[in-house]
Amino acid sequence: MKSDSSIGKFFSFVRDVLQEIDKIAWPSRKDVIVTTIVVFVLAVIASIFFSIVDTAVYKIVHYIIGR
């Protein structure tokens, strides 16, 4: 008796999961491309910014230390 209810619960769970998957609003190809480009551009900008800050801090520390 217990195994029948467990199997029934399992199939009920799978059915619920499939119903939820149908509700997902997948992004269009254009949305994915635009988002990818935005992320890439922001990553480049951040890397340039942190490179400049790192170089500035490096030079300031070396000026203070005197090496």
Protein backbone atom coordinates (compact mmCIF):
# COMPACT_ATOMS: atom_id res chain seq x y z
CA MET A 1 0.00 0.00 0.00
CA LYS A 2 2.79 2.38 0.89
CA SER A 3 4.65 1.77 -2.39
CA ASP A 4 1.50 2.55 -4.44
CA SER A 5 1.08 5.92 -2.78
CA SER A 6 4.80 6.66 -3.23
CA ILE A 7 4.60 5.85 -6.95
CA GLY A 8 1.44 7.93 -7.26
CA LYS A 9 3.12 10.84 -5.49
CA PHE A 10 6.13 10.52 -7.79
CA PHE A 11 4.02 10.67 -10.96
CA SER A 12 2.00 13.54 -9.51
CA PHE A 13 5.27 15.38 -8.84
CA VAL A 14 6.49 14.76 -12.40
CA ARG A 15 3.16 15.99 -13.81
CA ASP A 16 3.39 19.15 -11.68
CA VAL A 17 6.96 19.77 -12.81
CA LEU A 18 5.97 19.45 -16.48
CA GLN A 19 3.09 21.89 -15.94
CA GLU A 20 5.48 24.40 -14.37
CA ILE A 21 7.95 24.00 -17.24
CA ASP A 22 5.16 24.97 -19.65
CA LYS A 23 4.74 28.25 -17.72
CA ILE A 24 8.34 29.33 -18.24
CA ALA A 25 8.75 32.40 -20.45
CA TRP A 26 11.91 31.62 -22.39
CA PRO A 27 13.84 34.63 -23.76
CA SER A 28 13.98 35.15 -27.49
CA ARG A 29 17.21 34.71 -29.43
CA LYS A 30 17.46 38.50 -29.79
CA ASP A 31 17.10 38.99 -26.02
CA VAL A 32 19.87 36.48 -25.34
CA ILE A 33 22.21 38.12 -27.86
CA VAL A 34 21.57 41.64 -26.52
CA THR A 35 22.02 40.53 -22.92
CA THR A 36 25.25 38.71 -23.80
CA ILE A 37 26.65 41.80 -25.52
CA VAL A 38 25.72 44.00 -22.54
CA VAL A 39 27.43 41.60 -20.12
CA PHE A 40 30.54 41.45 -22.32
CA VAL A 41 30.77 45.25 -22.63
CA LEU A 42 30.29 45.76 -18.89
CA ALA A 43 32.95 43.13 -18.15
CA VAL A 44 35.41 44.96 -20.42
CA ILE A 45 34.58 48.31 -18.80
CA ALA A 46 35.00 46.83 -15.31
CA SER A 47 38.32 45.22 -16.22
CA ILE A 48 39.65 48.52 -17.60
CA PHE A 49 38.46 50.40 -14.50
CA PHE A 50 40.02 47.92 -12.08
CA SER A 51 43.26 47.86 -14.08
CA ILE A 52 43.51 51.64 -13.79
CA VAL A 53 42.71 51.59 -10.06
CA ASP A 54 45.17 48.74 -9.46
CA THR A 55 47.94 50.57 -11.29
CA ALA A 56 47.23 53.78 -9.38
CA VAL A 57 47.26 52.02 -6.00
CA TYR A 58 50.45 50.17 -6.95
CA LYS A 59 52.21 53.43 -7.85
CA ILE A 60 50.97 55.20 -4.70
CA VAL A 61 52.14 52.37 -2.44
CA HIS A 62 55.54 52.21 -4.14
CA TYR A 63 55.89 56.01 -3.83
CA ILE A 64 55.09 55.82 -0.10
CA ILE A 65 57.40 52.87 0.52
CA GLY A 66 60.12 54.42 -1.63
CA ARG A 67 61.18 51.44 -3.65
